[in-house]
Protein backbone atom coordinates (compact mmCIF):
# COMPACT_ATOMS: atom_id res chain seq x y z
CA MET A 1 -30.43 -34.83 229.08
CA SER A 2 -32.78 -35.45 226.83
CA LEU A 3 -31.25 -35.70 223.22
CA ASN A 4 -32.78 -33.61 220.40
CA PRO A 5 -33.41 -35.30 217.05
CA GLU A 6 -30.39 -34.08 215.09
CA GLN A 7 -27.88 -35.48 218.26
CA LYS A 8 -29.58 -38.58 218.39
CA LYS A 9 -29.02 -39.05 214.13
CA HIS A 10 -25.13 -38.49 215.02
CA TYR A 11 -25.18 -41.02 217.50
CA ARG A 12 -26.79 -43.58 215.43
CA THR A 13 -24.50 -42.74 212.24
CA ILE A 14 -21.63 -43.62 215.15
CA GLY A 15 -23.51 -46.75 216.91
CA HIS A 16 -24.26 -48.00 213.52
CA ASN A 17 -20.06 -49.59 213.44
CA LEU A 18 -20.50 -50.31 217.09
CA ASN A 19 -20.04 -53.66 218.60
CA PRO A 20 -22.35 -54.49 221.68
CA VAL A 21 -20.06 -54.49 224.73
CA ILE A 22 -22.93 -55.47 227.23
CA THR A 23 -24.69 -58.46 226.86
CA VAL A 24 -28.20 -59.25 229.62
CA ALA A 25 -29.35 -62.41 229.19
CA SER A 26 -31.82 -64.78 231.07
CA LYS A 27 -30.21 -63.74 234.53
CA GLY A 28 -31.43 -60.40 233.70
CA LEU A 29 -30.02 -56.70 235.08
CA THR A 30 -27.69 -58.15 238.04
CA GLU A 31 -25.67 -56.05 239.73
CA ALA A 32 -22.64 -56.96 237.82
CA VAL A 33 -24.40 -56.02 234.69
CA GLN A 34 -24.95 -52.42 235.79
CA LEU A 35 -21.66 -52.22 237.11
CA GLU A 36 -20.20 -53.16 233.65
CA THR A 37 -22.75 -50.87 231.75
CA ASP A 38 -21.73 -48.07 234.42
CA ARG A 39 -17.80 -48.59 233.66
CA ALA A 40 -18.72 -48.63 230.01
CA LEU A 41 -20.62 -45.14 229.84
CA GLU A 42 -17.79 -43.98 231.37
CA ASP A 43 -15.06 -45.09 229.34
CA HIS A 44 -17.10 -44.95 226.03
CA GLU A 45 -20.19 -42.59 226.48
CA LEU A 46 -22.27 -44.04 223.30
CA ILE A 47 -22.54 -47.58 223.55
CA LYS A 48 -24.75 -50.75 222.37
CA VAL A 49 -26.23 -53.50 224.98
CA LYS A 50 -27.41 -56.82 223.79
CA PHE A 51 -30.74 -58.26 225.27
CA ALA A 52 -30.96 -62.20 225.43
CA VAL A 53 -34.24 -62.05 226.38
CA GLY A 54 -37.37 -63.85 225.01
CA ASP A 55 -40.23 -62.11 225.25
CA ARG A 56 -40.12 -58.38 223.57
CA GLU A 57 -42.15 -56.35 226.35
CA ILE A 58 -39.96 -57.55 228.98
CA LYS A 59 -36.55 -56.59 226.91
CA LYS A 60 -38.49 -53.04 226.14
CA ALA A 61 -38.74 -52.92 230.11
CA MET A 62 -35.46 -54.16 231.00
CA ILE A 63 -33.84 -51.33 228.63
CA ARG A 64 -36.20 -48.72 229.93
CA GLU A 65 -34.72 -49.94 233.86
CA LEU A 66 -31.28 -49.99 232.09
CA CYS A 67 -31.19 -46.87 231.28
CA SER A 68 -32.75 -45.66 234.29
CA ILE A 69 -30.41 -47.28 236.79
CA VAL A 70 -27.27 -46.11 234.91
CA GLU A 71 -28.58 -42.09 234.20
CA ALA A 72 -28.42 -42.80 230.43
CA GLU A 73 -30.38 -42.13 227.31
CA LEU A 74 -31.67 -44.34 225.17
CA VAL A 75 -30.35 -43.26 221.47
CA GLN A 76 -32.20 -46.33 219.56
CA GLU A 77 -33.97 -50.00 219.77
CA ILE A 78 -33.83 -52.58 217.24
CA GLY A 79 -34.27 -56.17 217.92
CA ASN A 80 -32.24 -56.95 220.56
CA ILE A 81 -30.03 -54.48 220.39
CA ALA A 82 -29.91 -50.85 222.56
CA LEU A 83 -28.02 -47.60 221.84
CA ILE A 84 -27.36 -45.73 224.75
CA TYR A 85 -25.45 -42.51 225.63
CA ARG A 86 -24.63 -40.54 228.58
CA LYS A 87 -21.94 -38.24 228.75
CA ALA A 88 -18.72 -38.64 230.66
CA LEU A 89 -17.45 -36.39 233.45
CA LYS A 90 -14.14 -36.92 232.02
CA PRO A 91 -14.17 -37.86 228.73
CA ASN A 92 -10.98 -40.10 227.14
CA PRO A 93 -9.96 -39.08 223.71
CA LYS A 94 -8.48 -42.53 223.28
CA LEU A 95 -11.74 -44.37 224.48
CA SER A 96 -14.76 -42.29 224.12
CA ASN A 97 -16.59 -44.04 220.99
CA LEU A 98 -17.58 -39.70 220.25
CA LEU A 99 -14.35 -38.24 220.53
CA ARG A 100 -12.60 -41.12 218.50
CA SER A 101 -14.90 -40.59 215.50
CA SER A 102 -14.98 -36.51 214.73
């Protein structure tokens, strides 16, 4: 499910106005965080996740691991925020950040 550069640019534009809906803190990638991320992706397709962990390398590893677990694509990473995307099986026009922005 690799995104091409045009798609990534479009998703970054949409993501610019989004607020983080998930925060990963010192407890790391708990089951609750994974389930909530999965639910948020199914509802919104494009979400921001805030990583409140100190070390840069740990943060990068956690972002890769979370994307792998929830089968999502990393669109952009800036500072402590990751913008991730996963196409919903049945996108809800009222919830999907992609459909609402069109």
